[in-house]
Structures are given as structure tokens and as C-alpha cells.
Amino acid sequence: MSLIRAAFTVSAFTLLSRVTGLLRDIIIARTFGASALTDAFWVAFRIPNLLRRLFAEGAFSQAFVPILSQIKNNESATRTQQVIDRVAVLLFLTLTLITLVGIVGAPIVVIAMASGLTESSRTNEYQAAVVMTQIMFPYIICMSMVSLASGVLNTFKRFAVPAFTPILLNLSMIAASIGLGPFVSQPIYALATGVMIGGLLQLATQWFALYRLGMQPRLSASVKVSFQDATVKRIMKQMVPATIGVSVAQISLLINTNIATWLAVGSVTWLSFADRLMEFPTALIGVALGTVLLPSLSKAHAQFDDTRYSQLLDWGLRLVFLCGVPAAITMVMLSDALVATLFHYGAFSAYDVSQTQTAVMAYSVGLIGLLSVKILAPGFYGKQNIRTPVKIAIFVLIATQVLNTILVPWLAHAGLALSIGLGACMNALALLYALKKRAVYQPEPGWYAFFTRQLLASVVMALVLFYFRGFINWTSDDLHIGTRAVWLGCFIFVGLSTYLLTLLLTGQRLKDFKRAPSPKP
């Protein structure tokens, strides 16, 4: 499968995932609004998500995929299966222990995540967050195994199933909130139950895909032998700096969530919904490209093909700018339209729309940075260098918190979003500088002409959307969801058409981006 086709496959399923995720959030917004209990759910949901990213998807995939790719390319299928089995056993036991500790210590964990809930006036909110945390904590066991399965499937260039399975979580939460909510003493608890059901469905789907591939992990491997395996030790050694690196980003998220609980009621929900909107371009462009690039970068590194390695990074970065710039402009210029069209129903008021809109605009400032990190960081992981991104991440964490002290008193919850966006830009610039300094990445010719065309197309697109955006009062009660969606679709179509037409008129040819560099014959 070519990289562009693989990236399209991942993007298509990721788009469906984000659409179902938006539908999920629309139902949550319509049913619960931006209430204290909704804030409690997002706090509780963020805890297993944080640990999932810390121990499973983030640190694990960064350490596991490059080494597994190397084993697959250079050693036997039997050895590859053996490594998968032994890693699976250790990962499962570790996450099970963490889950048991987390369930027992949920009251303390919630305080650490959201100290603002400890105020006497928010006792019910705090207790609800604790209960939902206990319900959802086993979710990280499911997702750690899902992360293992995704790593194996991606290594074998089976990208579709890992990209599809997040849809099951969204559908499960939708079904639980609609079908289970009326039968639960506290309806918001139905969402937590839906998360757990969704995790089990994701695990079953990916485990079946591994079974068909003939690479299903066997949890019967000896723990002692697994610990002593040289390759497993390498993966664990790589996971230490990877975990630190991912934990830096999660610590930043933890701090921001904690700060948000001290702000106006609804702040956590406004940020969560704004983050959901940002996940569309981040996942469709950055995550899709990063997912398909890492195995190819690892293969180029194993073949000592430094030229192709650099060309792959260059191809990914150009696609990020080609697709990311119009996405950022759309998010800024049509932020009110996007939020109102998706969430302004039922309990989600016009005030909630305006507050979520400011967070979306603030996040958008850092969209290109967020996307570029998804390309630049694999440039280090493909060479099994995790320490450099960790050092950069620590610097970004410190810088982000300095920005928080400046921006939050001024912009409240939007200041938290802006700090994250600016931090992502700093992260991307530092990664780019480090890759160029090490001669890992050398830009291909044509970047100045490419940027000139991008700048012109971006200005034209922004002016067109600025002109049209004032024609509609997006929070008017006279506008139904169908009308909003049609007008929003028209505005996006006009903006993107203007952007692409300007690029074509200035000499840019989109066919230049269709194919990634080919490997050595």
C-alpha cells in the first residue's frame, strides 16, 4: 500500500471517527449542557485518557513500533511473534496493577486532577467524578492492549482496523447515553459505562484482526523469561524516556485541567468541546501522516537510506502546510459557525457557544505547530532517538506554564488553549532545528516558492471568509440544524475553493504531493 493511499485510508476512517465523536458530543451538549456534572464527567474521562496516552498509545508505540519493525525486517516470523507475546504479558500485568491502585485511590486521583472540585459547594460534582473515575479506570487495560494491537497491525501495514476502532467507542457512548441514561440513578453515569463497553469492543475488534493476521498475542508467556528477553529490555529501555516525554505533555494537560476547575463553571466542558473540534484537522492530517510515516521511516533507517528518510519528512511537512493552513483559517474565521452548528441545542446556550468559540480560536493559533509535531517527532522515533524530543518537551512544558501565568488572568479558559497552541509551535520549531542540526532532515528545493503561494492563497481565503461570516447570526433560534449545516458547508466550500484556485493560479500543482519518495530498489 502506497503511503498516500495508506494516509487516505487512515484519514477516511479517522474522519468517520471524528464525525461520530462530534455526534457523541452534540448529544452530550444537548442533554447535559455545560453543567457541573458534565465538567465532572470530562474530568473523570480525562484520567484514564491521560494514563492511556502515558503508558499505552504514546510511550509504548514510540518505543515498540520502530523496534518491532526492525525485528520483522531482519529476523524470523517466529521471533517476531515471540517478542509480541512477551511484550503483551508485561504490558497487561503492569496496566492491571495500575488500574487496581487507581480504583482504590480514585478520590485522591480526582483531587490531583481537579482540586477545584474540593470546594464545599462542589461536593456532588466531586463525588460524581470519583464514581465515574472508578467505573472508567479499567479502560486503560483495554486501551493498552489495543495500542499493542495497533502497533503490530501498523507495522504490517494494516492501517484500516486501528483507524476504525475509535468509532466503536463513540457509538457505545451514544448508545449508552440514549438507551441507558434513563435507567440510571444519575444519568451522567451512563456515559462512563459507555466508555467501558466501547473499550471492550475496540479490544475485541483489534484482537480479531491480529488473529486473522496470525499475530495474536499469547498472554501465557513466562513473566520471568519476558523480563530477561534482550529485545523486550530494549523496548522497556526506550519506553523510559518515551514515558517521560509523553508524561510532560500529560502533566501540562493535568495542570490545565486543574486550573480550569478553578475558573467559571463550564470551563472544562468548553475546553473539551473546543478540543474536540481541533481533533478533526489534527487527526485527519497530523495523526494520519504520522501513523503511516513511522513504519516507513523505521524501514528507511534499517536500510541506511538517509536520503529517503529526509525526503519522507519533507513530503510530510509539505502536506501539513498544504492542508493545515486552510484548516486553521477555517477554524478561526468560522469558529462561531462551527460551534453553533454542532452544539447550540437543548441545554447548550448561546453563552456556551461564545465561550467555546474563544477557546477554538485560541487553539487554532497553534494548529500548524500541533500538526508539524506529528511529522517531526517520528523523525526521531524512526531512528530510535526518544531522548531529544523528551528534552524539548520539558522545555515546552515550562514555557507553557509561564504563558499560563500571563494569559489565564487575561483570557480565562481561552488563555489555557492559547498557551497550548503557542507551546505546540515552540515544540515544532525546536524539533525542526534539532533534526536539521543533526542533518537528519534537509529541506528539498522549492520551499520559498511554496510558502509564497501559501501566503497569498491564505490571505485571499481569509478575506473571503471574513466577508461572508457576518451574513449569518449563528446563534439565532430561527436557524435549525439543517439550515446551519447547509450554510456552514457552503462557506467552507467557498473558502477551500478560493484557497485551491489561488494556489493553482500561482503555479502550484497538487499532483506533486500525491506520492511519497520511493524506497531503494
Protein backbone atom coordinates (compact mmCIF):
# COMPACT_ATOMS: atom_id res chain seq x y z
CA MET A 1 0.00 0.00 0.00
CA SER A 2 1.47 3.40 -1.00
CA LEU A 3 1.91 5.97 1.75
CA ILE A 4 -0.56 8.42 0.24
CA ARG A 5 -3.17 5.65 -0.09
CA ALA A 6 -2.46 4.49 3.46
CA ALA A 7 -2.72 8.06 4.72
CA PHE A 8 -6.03 8.45 2.87
CA THR A 9 -7.33 5.22 4.40
CA VAL A 10 -6.38 6.36 7.92
CA SER A 11 -7.83 9.83 7.25
CA ALA A 12 -11.11 8.42 5.95
CA PHE A 13 -11.69 6.22 8.99
CA THR A 14 -10.42 8.98 11.29
CA LEU A 15 -12.89 11.38 9.68
CA LEU A 16 -15.69 8.91 10.41
CA SER A 17 -14.37 8.60 13.96
CA ARG A 18 -14.36 12.35 14.43
CA VAL A 19 -17.84 12.68 12.92
CA THR A 20 -19.21 10.09 15.35
CA GLY A 21 -17.24 11.79 18.12
CA LEU A 22 -18.90 15.09 17.27
CA LEU A 23 -22.29 13.39 17.20
CA ARG A 24 -21.46 11.99 20.64
CA ASP A 25 -20.56 15.44 21.96
CA ILE A 26 -23.62 17.02 20.35
CA ILE A 27 -25.81 14.55 22.25
CA ILE A 28 -23.89 15.24 25.48
CA ALA A 29 -24.21 19.01 24.96
CA ARG A 30 -27.90 18.78 24.13
CA THR A 31 -28.65 16.52 27.10
CA PHE A 32 -26.39 17.89 29.83
CA GLY A 33 -25.19 21.30 28.54
CA ALA A 34 -22.09 22.80 30.16
CA SER A 35 -23.09 21.86 33.70
CA ALA A 36 -21.22 20.92 36.86
CA LEU A 37 -21.90 17.21 36.28
CA THR A 38 -20.70 17.46 32.69
CA ASP A 39 -17.47 19.03 33.98
CA ALA A 40 -17.21 16.10 36.42
CA PHE A 41 -17.53 13.60 33.56
CA TRP A 42 -14.84 15.28 31.46
CA VAL A 43 -12.51 15.35 34.47
CA ALA A 44 -13.14 11.65 35.13
CA PHE A 45 -12.80 10.74 31.45
CA ARG A 46 -9.53 12.64 31.20
CA ILE A 47 -7.89 10.49 33.91
CA PRO A 48 -7.94 7.13 32.05
CA ASN A 49 -7.26 9.01 28.82
CA LEU A 50 -4.18 10.54 30.40
CA LEU A 51 -2.87 7.15 31.54
CA ARG A 52 -3.76 5.61 28.18
CA ARG A 53 -1.60 8.16 26.40
CA LEU A 54 1.11 7.88 29.03
CA PHE A 55 1.51 4.09 29.22
CA ALA A 56 -0.14 2.84 26.06
CA GLU A 57 -0.52 4.83 22.86
CA GLY A 58 2.19 7.44 23.30
CA ALA A 59 5.21 5.97 25.06
CA PHE A 60 4.50 2.41 24.01
CA SER A 61 4.04 3.00 20.29
CA GLN A 62 7.08 5.27 20.09
CA ALA A 63 9.29 2.57 21.60
CA PHE A 64 7.56 -0.52 20.21
CA VAL A 65 6.88 0.17 16.52
CA PRO A 66 10.45 1.04 15.38
CA ILE A 67 11.97 -1.97 17.19
CA LEU A 68 9.22 -4.38 16.06
CA SER A 69 9.68 -3.11 12.51
CA GLN A 70 13.39 -3.84 12.77
CA ILE A 71 12.72 -7.37 14.11
CA LYS A 72 10.16 -8.02 11.36
CA ASN A 73 12.52 -6.88 8.59
CA ASN A 74 15.67 -8.62 9.87
CA GLU A 75 14.55 -11.71 11.81
CA SER A 76 12.12 -14.62 11.53
CA ALA A 77 8.33 -14.55 11.93
CA THR A 78 8.70 -16.86 14.94
CA ARG A 79 10.94 -14.35 16.69
CA THR A 80 8.55 -11.53 15.83
CA GLN A 81 5.65 -13.44 17.41
CA GLN A 82 7.78 -14.21 20.47
CA VAL A 83 8.55 -10.53 21.04
CA ILE A 84 4.87 -9.62 20.67
CA ASP A 85 3.85 -12.30 23.21
CA ARG A 86 6.40 -11.23 25.80
CA VAL A 87 5.68 -7.54 25.48
CA ALA A 88 1.92 -8.23 25.75
CA VAL A 89 2.31 -10.13 29.03
CA LEU A 90 4.35 -7.39 30.71
CA LEU A 91 2.12 -4.59 29.41
CA PHE A 92 -1.05 -6.35 30.59
CA LEU A 93 0.29 -7.05 34.10
CA THR A 94 1.64 -3.51 34.53
CA LEU A 95 -1.59 -1.82 33.49
CA THR A 96 -3.72 -4.19 35.58
CA LEU A 97 -1.74 -3.26 38.69
CA ILE A 98 -2.03 0.46 37.91
CA THR A 99 -5.78 0.04 37.37
CA LEU A 100 -6.31 -1.63 40.76
CA VAL A 101 -4.36 1.12 42.51
CA GLY A 102 -6.30 3.75 40.56
CA ILE A 103 -9.72 2.37 41.51
CA VAL A 104 -8.84 2.29 45.20
CA GLY A 105 -7.17 5.69 45.11
CA ALA A 106 -9.77 7.40 42.87
CA PRO A 107 -10.65 10.09 45.48
CA ILE A 108 -7.01 11.17 45.64
CA VAL A 109 -6.58 10.95 41.87
CA VAL A 110 -9.56 13.26 41.27
CA ILE A 111 -8.19 15.80 43.75
CA ALA A 112 -4.85 15.74 41.94
CA MET A 113 -6.59 16.22 38.58
CA ALA A 114 -9.17 18.80 39.62
CA SER A 115 -8.50 20.39 43.00
CA GLY A 116 -11.19 22.98 42.30
CA LEU A 117 -13.81 20.29 42.91
CA THR A 118 -12.83 20.12 46.60
CA GLU A 119 -14.72 23.31 47.39
CA SER A 120 -17.67 22.67 49.71
CA SER A 121 -20.13 23.96 47.12
CA ARG A 122 -19.00 21.29 44.62
CA THR A 123 -19.27 18.15 46.78
CA ASN A 124 -21.77 16.41 44.48
CA GLU A 125 -19.59 17.17 41.47
CA TYR A 126 -16.53 15.75 43.22
CA GLN A 127 -18.32 12.56 44.29
CA ALA A 128 -19.67 12.04 40.78
CA ALA A 129 -16.15 12.44 39.34
CA VAL A 130 -14.82 9.82 41.79
CA VAL A 131 -17.52 7.28 40.91
CA MET A 132 -17.05 7.77 37.17
CA THR A 133 -13.27 7.53 37.55
CA GLN A 134 -13.67 4.15 39.27
CA ILE A 135 -16.02 2.94 36.53
CA MET A 136 -13.67 4.00 33.72
CA PHE A 137 -10.25 3.16 35.16
CA PRO A 138 -10.18 -0.39 33.64
CA TYR A 139 -10.48 1.32 30.26
CA ILE A 140 -6.68 1.74 30.25
CA ILE A 141 -6.19 -2.05 30.31
CA CYS A 142 -8.31 -2.35 27.18
CA MET A 143 -6.52 0.53 25.50
CA SER A 144 -3.04 -0.71 26.37
CA MET A 145 -3.86 -3.97 24.59
CA VAL A 146 -5.45 -2.01 21.74
CA SER A 147 -2.26 0.05 21.47
CA LEU A 148 -0.22 -3.16 21.25
CA ALA A 149 -2.52 -4.49 18.54
CA SER A 150 -2.37 -1.19 16.63
CA GLY A 151 1.41 -1.20 16.75
CA VAL A 152 1.55 -4.71 15.29
CA LEU A 153 -1.08 -4.01 12.63
CA ASN A 154 0.60 -0.75 11.58
CA THR A 155 3.97 -2.48 11.38
CA PHE A 156 2.42 -4.98 8.98
CA LYS A 157 0.87 -2.07 7.01
CA ARG A 158 -2.67 -2.94 8.17
CA PHE A 159 -3.78 0.63 8.89
CA ALA A 160 -7.56 0.38 8.43
CA VAL A 161 -8.62 -1.53 11.57
CA PRO A 162 -6.68 0.65 14.09
CA ALA A 163 -8.12 3.75 12.41
CA PHE A 164 -11.65 2.32 12.50
CA THR A 165 -11.92 1.08 16.09
CA PRO A 166 -12.25 4.51 17.84
CA ILE A 167 -15.64 4.75 16.12
CA LEU A 168 -16.84 1.92 18.37
CA LEU A 169 -16.14 3.99 21.50
CA ASN A 170 -18.21 6.90 20.18
CA LEU A 171 -21.10 4.66 19.15
CA SER A 172 -21.03 2.93 22.52
CA MET A 173 -21.18 6.25 24.41
CA ILE A 174 -24.02 7.46 22.19
CA ALA A 175 -26.00 4.28 22.74
CA ALA A 176 -25.34 4.34 26.49
CA SER A 177 -26.38 7.96 26.96
CA ILE A 178 -29.60 7.49 24.94
CA GLY A 179 -30.54 3.94 25.90
CA LEU A 180 -29.02 3.56 29.37
CA GLY A 181 -29.28 7.10 30.75
CA PRO A 182 -32.99 6.97 31.66
CA PHE A 183 -32.44 3.78 33.72
CA VAL A 184 -29.51 5.02 35.83
CA SER A 185 -29.99 6.91 39.10
CA GLN A 186 -27.52 9.53 37.90
CA PRO A 187 -27.88 9.71 34.07
CA ILE A 188 -24.34 11.05 33.56
CA TYR A 189 -23.01 7.70 34.86
CA ALA A 190 -24.33 6.09 31.66
CA LEU A 191 -21.55 7.84 29.76
CA ALA A 192 -18.90 6.24 31.96
CA THR A 193 -20.45 2.82 31.38
CA GLY A 194 -20.46 3.51 27.65
CA VAL A 195 -16.73 4.23 27.76
CA MET A 196 -16.00 0.80 29.27
CA ILE A 197 -18.23 -1.02 26.77
CA GLY A 198 -16.53 0.88 23.96
CA GLY A 199 -13.09 -0.12 25.23
CA LEU A 200 -14.05 -3.80 25.23
CA LEU A 201 -15.45 -3.54 21.70
CA GLN A 202 -12.25 -1.90 20.45
CA LEU A 203 -10.14 -4.61 22.03
CA ALA A 204 -12.24 -7.44 20.59
CA THR A 205 -12.13 -5.95 17.09
CA GLN A 206 -8.36 -5.48 17.01
CA TRP A 207 -7.70 -8.86 18.65
CA PHE A 208 -9.73 -10.50 15.87
CA ALA A 209 -7.68 -8.58 13.26
CA LEU A 210 -4.48 -9.90 14.84
CA TYR A 211 -5.94 -13.43 14.83
CA ARG A 212 -6.58 -13.16 11.10
CA LEU A 213 -3.05 -11.86 10.59
CA GLY A 214 -1.69 -14.79 12.59
CA MET A 215 -0.06 -12.48 15.14
CA GLN A 216 -2.49 -12.65 18.06
CA PRO A 217 -0.53 -12.15 21.33
CA ARG A 218 -0.48 -15.08 23.73
CA LEU A 219 -0.66 -13.99 27.37
CA SER A 220 0.71 -17.35 28.54
CA ALA A 221 4.33 -16.30 28.07
CA SER A 222 6.54 -16.55 31.15
CA VAL A 223 6.87 -13.26 33.01
CA LYS A 224 10.43 -14.09 34.09
CA VAL A 225 11.54 -15.03 30.59
CA SER A 226 9.81 -11.95 29.19
CA PHE A 227 11.75 -9.69 31.55
CA GLN A 228 15.00 -11.35 30.52
CA ASP A 229 14.40 -11.04 26.75
CA ALA A 230 17.03 -8.71 25.24
CA THR A 231 14.61 -7.14 22.75
CA VAL A 232 11.96 -6.61 25.40
CA LYS A 233 14.60 -4.92 27.54
CA ARG A 234 15.40 -2.63 24.61
CA ILE A 235 11.74 -1.70 24.29
CA MET A 236 11.46 -1.07 28.04
CA LYS A 237 14.64 0.99 27.94
CA GLN A 238 13.21 3.08 25.12
CA MET A 239 9.91 3.41 26.96
CA VAL A 240 11.54 5.14 29.93
CA PRO A 241 12.44 8.35 28.06
CA ALA A 242 9.30 7.97 25.91
CA THR A 243 7.13 7.81 29.04
CA ILE A 244 8.88 10.87 30.43
CA GLY A 245 8.32 12.67 27.16
CA VAL A 246 4.64 11.79 26.96
CA SER A 247 4.18 12.49 30.67
CA VAL A 248 5.47 16.02 30.13
CA ALA A 249 2.59 16.68 27.73
CA GLN A 250 0.14 14.96 30.08
CA ILE A 251 1.43 16.92 33.07
CA SER A 252 0.68 20.06 31.09
CA LEU A 253 -2.84 18.74 30.43
CA LEU A 254 -3.23 17.86 34.11
CA ILE A 255 -2.19 21.36 35.19
CA ASN A 256 -4.53 22.96 32.66
CA THR A 257 -7.47 20.82 33.78
CA ASN A 258 -6.74 21.70 37.37
CA ILE A 259 -6.63 25.41 36.55
CA ALA A 260 -9.88 25.13 34.57
CA THR A 261 -11.72 23.70 37.60
CA TRP A 262 -10.94 26.94 39.44
CA LEU A 263 -12.44 29.06 36.66
CA ALA A 264 -16.12 29.58 35.83
CA VAL A 265 -18.40 26.53 35.90
CA GLY A 266 -18.43 25.08 32.40
CA SER A 267 -14.78 25.90 31.63
CA VAL A 268 -13.72 22.24 31.49
CA THR A 269 -16.61 21.46 29.13
CA TRP A 270 -15.92 24.48 26.87
CA LEU A 271 -12.30 23.42 26.54
CA SER A 272 -13.28 19.79 25.94
CA PHE A 273 -15.65 20.71 23.10
CA ALA A 274 -13.09 23.09 21.57
CA ASP A 275 -10.51 20.34 21.79
CA ARG A 276 -12.94 18.00 20.03
CA LEU A 277 -13.14 20.43 17.09
CA MET A 278 -9.35 20.69 16.96
CA GLU A 279 -9.08 16.91 16.80
CA PHE A 280 -10.60 16.97 13.32
CA PRO A 281 -7.64 18.57 11.49
CA THR A 282 -5.11 17.18 13.97
CA ALA A 283 -6.22 13.60 13.40
CA LEU A 284 -7.12 13.81 9.70
CA ILE A 285 -3.78 15.37 8.77
CA GLY A 286 -1.19 15.03 11.53
CA VAL A 287 -2.08 11.70 13.11
CA ALA A 288 -2.80 10.03 9.76
CA LEU A 289 0.53 11.11 8.27
CA GLY A 290 2.46 10.35 11.46
CA THR A 291 0.91 6.87 11.68
CA VAL A 292 1.87 5.85 8.14
CA LEU A 293 5.25 7.61 8.21
CA LEU A 294 6.73 5.92 11.29
CA PRO A 295 6.98 2.37 9.85
CA SER A 296 8.40 3.79 6.58
CA LEU A 297 10.93 5.92 8.45
CA SER A 298 11.95 2.90 10.53
CA LYS A 299 12.42 0.85 7.35
CA ALA A 300 14.49 3.61 5.70
CA HIS A 301 16.64 3.79 8.83
CA ALA A 302 17.13 -0.01 8.84
CA GLN A 303 18.22 0.19 5.18
CA PHE A 304 20.59 3.12 5.91
CA ASP A 305 18.69 5.17 3.31
CA ASP A 306 19.25 8.64 4.79
CA THR A 307 18.17 10.43 1.62
CA ARG A 308 14.73 8.81 1.59
CA TYR A 309 14.42 9.38 5.34
CA SER A 310 14.84 13.12 4.82
CA GLN A 311 12.57 13.14 1.77
CA LEU A 312 9.79 11.39 3.72
CA LEU A 313 9.91 14.10 6.39
CA ASP A 314 9.91 16.81 3.72
CA TRP A 315 6.90 15.26 1.98
CA GLY A 316 5.01 15.05 5.28
CA LEU A 317 5.74 18.66 6.22
CA ARG A 318 4.58 20.00 2.87
CA LEU A 319 1.32 18.09 3.19
CA VAL A 320 0.91 19.51 6.70
CA PHE A 321 1.16 23.07 5.40
CA LEU A 322 -0.91 22.40 2.28
CA CYS A 323 -3.83 21.00 4.33
CA GLY A 324 -3.22 22.59 7.73
CA VAL A 325 -3.20 26.25 6.72
CA PRO A 326 -6.75 26.30 5.26
CA ALA A 327 -7.93 24.25 8.25
CA ALA A 328 -6.52 26.85 10.68
CA ILE A 329 -8.08 29.72 8.74
CA THR A 330 -11.44 27.95 8.73
CA MET A 331 -11.26 27.30 12.48
CA VAL A 332 -10.56 31.00 13.19
CA MET A 333 -12.94 32.62 10.72
CA LEU A 334 -15.85 30.21 11.18
CA SER A 335 -15.37 29.32 14.85
CA ASP A 336 -18.80 30.66 15.84
CA ALA A 337 -20.44 28.85 12.95
CA LEU A 338 -18.74 25.55 13.77
CA VAL A 339 -19.60 25.63 17.47
CA ALA A 340 -23.19 26.81 16.98
CA THR A 341 -23.90 24.28 14.22
CA LEU A 342 -22.58 21.39 16.27
CA PHE A 343 -23.55 22.21 19.86
CA HIS A 344 -26.12 25.05 20.14
CA TYR A 345 -29.12 22.90 21.00
CA GLY A 346 -31.03 21.96 24.14
CA ALA A 347 -29.09 22.84 27.29
CA PHE A 348 -26.10 24.32 25.41
CA SER A 349 -26.78 28.08 25.41
CA ALA A 350 -25.60 30.94 23.20
CA TYR A 351 -23.27 31.94 26.05
CA ASP A 352 -21.73 28.47 25.98
CA VAL A 353 -21.24 28.91 22.22
CA SER A 354 -19.37 32.19 22.67
CA GLN A 355 -17.14 30.74 25.40
CA THR A 356 -16.33 27.61 23.37
CA GLN A 357 -15.69 29.76 20.30
CA THR A 358 -12.95 31.75 22.03
CA ALA A 359 -11.22 28.51 23.00
CA VAL A 360 -11.42 27.22 19.40
CA MET A 361 -9.83 30.43 18.08
CA ALA A 362 -7.08 30.22 20.69
CA TYR A 363 -6.33 26.57 19.88
CA SER A 364 -6.22 27.39 16.15
CA VAL A 365 -3.19 29.62 16.62
CA GLY A 366 -1.11 26.52 17.27
CA LEU A 367 -2.70 24.16 14.72
CA ILE A 368 0.27 24.14 12.32
CA GLY A 369 2.56 23.50 15.29
CA LEU A 370 0.40 20.63 16.53
CA LEU A 371 0.36 19.07 13.06
CA SER A 372 4.08 19.55 12.44
CA VAL A 373 4.97 17.80 15.70
CA LYS A 374 3.14 14.70 14.40
CA ILE A 375 5.62 14.64 11.49
CA LEU A 376 8.80 15.87 13.15
CA ALA A 377 8.67 13.70 16.29
CA PRO A 378 8.57 10.44 14.25
CA GLY A 379 11.75 11.76 12.61
CA PHE A 380 13.44 10.98 15.94
CA TYR A 381 11.42 7.87 16.81
CA GLY A 382 12.26 6.25 13.46
CA LYS A 383 15.93 6.44 14.47
CA GLN A 384 15.07 5.20 17.97
CA ASN A 385 16.07 8.56 19.43
CA ILE A 386 13.49 9.44 22.07
CA ARG A 387 15.67 11.48 24.42
CA THR A 388 15.85 14.58 22.22
CA PRO A 389 12.04 15.01 21.93
CA VAL A 390 11.85 14.48 25.71
CA LYS A 391 14.27 17.33 26.42
CA ILE A 392 12.32 19.58 24.06
CA ALA A 393 9.00 18.55 25.66
CA ILE A 394 10.29 19.50 29.13
CA PHE A 395 11.30 22.92 27.84
CA VAL A 396 7.86 23.35 26.23
CA LEU A 397 6.12 22.34 29.49
CA ILE A 398 7.94 25.06 31.40
CA ALA A 399 7.26 27.63 28.67
CA THR A 400 3.56 26.70 28.53
CA GLN A 401 3.10 27.20 32.26
CA VAL A 402 4.85 30.57 32.08
CA LEU A 403 2.40 31.52 29.35
CA ASN A 404 -0.48 30.33 31.57
CA THR A 405 0.52 32.75 34.31
CA ILE A 406 0.33 35.57 31.77
CA LEU A 407 -2.66 34.57 29.65
CA VAL A 408 -5.14 32.91 32.06
CA PRO A 409 -5.74 36.03 34.22
CA TRP A 410 -6.39 37.91 30.99
CA LEU A 411 -8.28 35.37 28.83
CA ALA A 412 -9.53 32.80 31.43
CA HIS A 413 -10.10 29.36 29.83
CA ALA A 414 -9.13 30.67 26.37
CA GLY A 415 -5.73 31.53 27.85
CA LEU A 416 -5.21 27.84 28.60
CA ALA A 417 -5.98 26.96 24.98
CA LEU A 418 -3.71 29.70 23.64
CA SER A 419 -0.84 28.54 25.86
CA ILE A 420 -1.16 25.01 24.44
CA GLY A 421 -1.21 26.34 20.88
CA LEU A 422 1.84 28.54 21.35
CA GLY A 423 3.62 25.71 23.15
CA ALA A 424 2.97 23.40 20.17
CA CYS A 425 4.56 25.95 17.84
CA MET A 426 7.64 26.14 20.07
CA ASN A 427 7.78 22.34 20.17
CA ALA A 428 7.65 22.07 16.37
CA LEU A 429 10.33 24.73 15.84
CA ALA A 430 12.67 23.09 18.36
CA LEU A 431 12.19 19.64 16.77
CA LEU A 432 12.82 21.08 13.31
CA TYR A 433 16.01 22.83 14.47
CA ALA A 434 17.28 19.63 16.12
CA LEU A 435 16.59 17.50 13.03
CA LYS A 436 18.37 19.96 10.75
CA LYS A 437 21.30 20.36 13.13
CA ARG A 438 21.80 16.58 13.13
CA ALA A 439 21.47 16.51 9.31
CA VAL A 440 18.58 14.05 9.68
CA TYR A 441 16.36 16.39 7.68
CA GLN A 442 17.49 18.59 4.80
CA PRO A 443 14.66 20.59 3.14
CA GLU A 444 14.13 19.82 -0.52
CA PRO A 445 14.28 22.69 -3.07
CA GLY A 446 11.17 24.82 -3.62
CA TRP A 447 10.13 25.76 -0.09
CA TYR A 448 10.34 29.54 -0.64
CA ALA A 449 8.09 29.40 -3.71
CA PHE A 450 5.74 27.05 -1.84
CA PHE A 451 5.48 29.44 1.14
CA THR A 452 4.88 32.43 -1.16
CA ARG A 453 1.96 30.69 -2.85
CA GLN A 454 0.63 29.56 0.54
CA LEU A 455 0.74 33.09 1.93
CA LEU A 456 -1.16 34.56 -0.99
CA ALA A 457 -3.77 31.79 -1.00
CA SER A 458 -4.22 32.09 2.76
CA VAL A 459 -4.79 35.86 2.64
CA VAL A 460 -7.35 35.52 -0.14
CA MET A 461 -9.20 32.72 1.68
CA ALA A 462 -9.23 34.65 4.98
CA LEU A 463 -10.62 37.79 3.30
CA VAL A 464 -13.38 35.83 1.56
CA LEU A 465 -14.46 34.08 4.78
CA PHE A 466 -14.25 37.34 6.75
CA TYR A 467 -16.62 38.92 4.22
CA PHE A 468 -19.18 36.11 4.33
CA ARG A 469 -19.09 35.32 8.07
CA GLY A 470 -21.15 38.40 9.03
CA PHE A 471 -24.15 37.41 6.93
CA ILE A 472 -25.48 34.86 9.44
CA ASN A 473 -26.41 35.12 13.12
CA TRP A 474 -25.36 31.59 14.01
CA THR A 475 -26.98 31.53 17.47
CA SER A 476 -30.38 32.71 16.24
CA ASP A 477 -33.24 30.49 17.38
CA ASP A 478 -34.68 30.74 13.85
CA LEU A 479 -31.82 28.64 12.47
CA HIS A 480 -32.32 24.90 12.67
CA ILE A 481 -29.51 22.37 12.46
CA GLY A 482 -30.17 21.67 8.78
CA THR A 483 -30.03 25.35 7.84
CA ARG A 484 -26.88 25.91 9.87
CA ALA A 485 -25.20 22.86 8.36
CA VAL A 486 -26.05 23.91 4.77
CA TRP A 487 -24.73 27.46 5.25
CA LEU A 488 -21.62 26.23 7.05
CA GLY A 489 -20.93 23.71 4.27
CA CYS A 490 -21.33 26.44 1.64
CA PHE A 491 -18.93 28.78 3.45
CA ILE A 492 -16.32 26.05 3.87
CA PHE A 493 -16.67 25.06 0.20
CA VAL A 494 -16.24 28.67 -0.95
CA GLY A 495 -13.22 29.18 1.33
CA LEU A 496 -11.45 25.98 0.25
CA SER A 497 -12.24 26.58 -3.42
CA THR A 498 -10.75 30.06 -3.16
CA TYR A 499 -7.63 28.67 -1.49
CA LEU A 500 -7.09 25.90 -4.06
CA LEU A 501 -7.87 28.15 -7.03
CA THR A 502 -5.34 30.72 -5.84
CA LEU A 503 -2.69 28.00 -5.46
CA LEU A 504 -3.39 26.71 -8.97
CA LEU A 505 -3.29 30.20 -10.50
CA THR A 506 0.09 30.85 -8.86
CA GLY A 507 1.57 27.67 -10.34
CA GLN A 508 1.14 25.12 -7.55
CA ARG A 509 0.40 21.60 -8.79
CA LEU A 510 -1.37 19.31 -6.34
CA LYS A 511 -0.08 16.20 -8.13
CA ASP A 512 3.35 16.96 -6.68
CA PHE A 513 2.05 15.81 -3.28
CA LYS A 514 0.41 12.55 -4.33
CA ARG A 515 3.35 10.19 -3.93
CA ALA A 516 5.94 9.88 -1.18
CA PRO A 517 9.59 9.11 -2.03
CA SER A 518 10.14 5.53 -3.17
CA PRO A 519 12.48 3.16 -1.29
CA LYS A 520 15.71 1.82 -2.70
CA PRO A 521 15.20 -0.88 -5.34
